[in-house]
Amino acid sequence: ADDDTFVVVDTSATETKKILKQQLFTQILTEPHFYTVTFEAGTSFTFDIDDANYFMNFSSSNAVSVTIPTNSSVGLSIGTKIYVCQIGSGTVTISGASGVTYTTNRSASTAGTGDVITLMKINDDQWVGF
């Protein structure tokens, strides 16, 4: 039944959560099966509307600053995911523009070459990173 409940044990937060069957199936059906892959060589980047559901590789040998814009300047949909990957030797640091809340339980910077930070928009000017 659509209202059947699945238990999810979140070991990183040491808590138990639940999700309804219909919620799970809806997420599976709406999750993109393929992401657009891009390569960025600069040291400064601000997301725009075309970056929704992208896997972005940053190749700079210098530190890279990535900014999440406000909803009023770039209206990305709630639920948008953007993957940020460090492929160069320059650390990639994520921050929100003034008025944007960016919450993460990990560092806001990549940990080294090959590290990926997943960003998800959860409200108009609220993003989480994991």
Protein backbone atom coordinates (compact mmCIF):
# COMPACT_ATOMS: atom_id res chain seq x y z
CA ALA A 1 0.00 0.00 0.00
CA ASP A 2 1.13 3.56 -0.64
CA ASP A 3 1.03 4.30 3.09
CA ASP A 4 3.34 1.40 4.03
CA THR A 5 6.32 2.69 6.01
CA PHE A 6 9.99 1.83 5.50
CA VAL A 7 12.43 2.33 8.35
CA VAL A 8 15.69 4.16 7.59
CA VAL A 9 18.56 3.99 10.06
CA ASP A 10 20.77 7.05 9.66
CA THR A 11 24.05 5.92 11.18
CA SER A 12 25.74 9.31 10.69
CA ALA A 13 23.10 11.06 12.82
CA THR A 14 22.40 8.03 15.07
CA GLU A 15 18.67 8.29 14.53
CA THR A 16 15.91 6.30 12.93
CA LYS A 17 13.67 7.86 10.31
CA LYS A 18 10.81 6.64 8.17
CA ILE A 19 9.63 7.10 4.62
CA LEU A 20 6.31 6.11 3.06
CA LYS A 21 6.29 3.76 0.09
CA GLN A 22 4.68 6.43 -2.10
CA GLN A 23 7.35 8.99 -1.08
CA LEU A 24 10.11 6.52 -1.94
CA PHE A 25 8.60 5.64 -5.32
CA THR A 26 7.98 9.31 -6.17
CA GLN A 27 11.64 10.13 -5.44
CA ILE A 28 12.87 7.20 -7.55
CA LEU A 29 10.68 8.24 -10.47
CA THR A 30 11.63 11.93 -10.30
CA GLU A 31 15.37 11.49 -9.64
CA PRO A 32 17.31 12.12 -12.87
CA HIS A 33 18.94 8.96 -14.15
CA PHE A 34 21.72 10.90 -15.81
CA TYR A 35 23.42 14.11 -14.76
CA THR A 36 25.06 16.58 -17.08
CA VAL A 37 28.82 16.56 -16.48
CA THR A 38 30.73 19.83 -16.76
CA PHE A 39 34.31 20.94 -16.23
CA GLU A 40 35.17 24.33 -14.74
CA ALA A 41 38.73 25.67 -14.78
CA GLY A 42 38.27 29.02 -12.99
CA THR A 43 38.72 29.95 -9.34
CA SER A 44 35.32 31.57 -8.82
CA PHE A 45 31.91 30.22 -9.77
CA THR A 46 28.27 31.10 -9.02
CA PHE A 47 25.53 28.63 -9.90
CA ASP A 48 23.00 29.66 -12.54
CA ILE A 49 19.70 28.19 -13.68
CA ASP A 50 21.40 25.82 -16.13
CA ASP A 51 23.42 24.09 -13.38
CA ALA A 52 20.44 22.18 -11.93
CA ASN A 53 21.21 18.47 -11.60
CA TYR A 54 24.79 18.87 -12.84
CA PHE A 55 27.92 17.02 -11.80
CA MET A 56 30.45 19.85 -11.82
CA ASN A 57 34.18 19.09 -11.90
CA PHE A 58 36.53 21.87 -10.76
CA SER A 59 40.01 21.44 -12.20
CA SER A 60 41.92 24.48 -10.91
CA SER A 61 45.26 24.06 -9.17
CA ASN A 62 44.30 27.11 -7.05
CA ALA A 63 41.55 27.37 -4.44
CA VAL A 64 38.05 27.65 -5.92
CA SER A 65 35.17 29.63 -4.41
CA VAL A 66 31.68 28.43 -5.34
CA THR A 67 28.68 30.59 -4.42
CA ILE A 68 25.06 29.52 -4.06
CA PRO A 69 22.96 32.46 -5.32
CA THR A 70 19.75 33.75 -3.75
CA ASN A 71 16.46 32.39 -5.04
CA SER A 72 15.51 35.88 -6.25
CA SER A 73 18.57 36.04 -8.53
CA VAL A 74 18.55 32.42 -9.75
CA GLY A 75 15.28 30.55 -9.24
CA LEU A 76 16.49 26.96 -9.03
CA SER A 77 13.67 24.57 -8.06
CA ILE A 78 13.39 23.17 -4.56
CA GLY A 79 14.79 19.65 -4.75
CA THR A 80 17.56 20.62 -7.19
CA LYS A 81 20.81 18.73 -6.63
CA ILE A 82 24.23 19.90 -7.74
CA TYR A 83 27.33 17.77 -7.30
CA VAL A 84 30.63 19.60 -6.80
CA CYS A 85 33.80 17.56 -7.44
CA GLN A 86 37.41 18.61 -6.93
CA ILE A 87 39.49 17.12 -9.75
CA GLY A 88 42.34 19.65 -9.60
CA SER A 89 44.65 20.27 -6.67
CA GLY A 90 42.72 23.42 -5.62
CA THR A 91 40.29 23.00 -2.74
CA VAL A 92 36.68 23.90 -3.61
CA THR A 93 34.80 25.88 -0.95
CA ILE A 94 31.01 26.29 -1.00
CA SER A 95 29.27 29.33 0.50
CA GLY A 96 25.89 30.98 0.21
CA ALA A 97 25.39 34.50 -1.07
CA SER A 98 24.07 36.99 1.47
CA GLY A 99 20.63 35.72 2.53
CA VAL A 100 21.32 32.08 1.62
CA THR A 101 21.61 29.51 4.40
CA TYR A 102 24.00 26.64 3.63
CA THR A 103 23.97 23.87 6.23
CA THR A 104 26.30 20.89 6.24
CA ASN A 105 27.60 18.36 8.75
CA ARG A 106 30.88 18.15 6.87
CA SER A 107 33.40 20.76 5.88
CA ALA A 108 32.20 23.38 3.40
CA SER A 109 35.40 22.61 1.45
CA THR A 110 36.39 19.54 -0.47
CA ALA A 111 38.88 17.26 1.27
CA GLY A 112 41.09 16.62 -1.76
CA THR A 113 41.15 15.42 -5.32
CA GLY A 114 38.14 13.22 -6.05
CA ASP A 115 36.05 14.51 -3.14
CA VAL A 116 32.43 15.32 -3.99
CA ILE A 117 30.01 17.55 -2.10
CA THR A 118 26.34 17.05 -2.93
CA LEU A 119 24.20 20.17 -2.61
CA MET A 120 20.41 20.10 -2.40
CA LYS A 121 18.03 23.03 -2.34
CA ILE A 122 15.44 22.44 0.40
CA ASN A 123 13.72 25.85 0.52
CA ASP A 124 13.85 29.16 -1.36
CA ASP A 125 17.16 30.27 0.15
CA GLN A 126 18.16 27.17 2.08
CA TRP A 127 20.58 24.50 0.90
CA VAL A 128 22.18 21.47 2.54
CA GLY A 129 25.46 19.81 1.70
CA PHE A 130 26.36 16.19 2.25
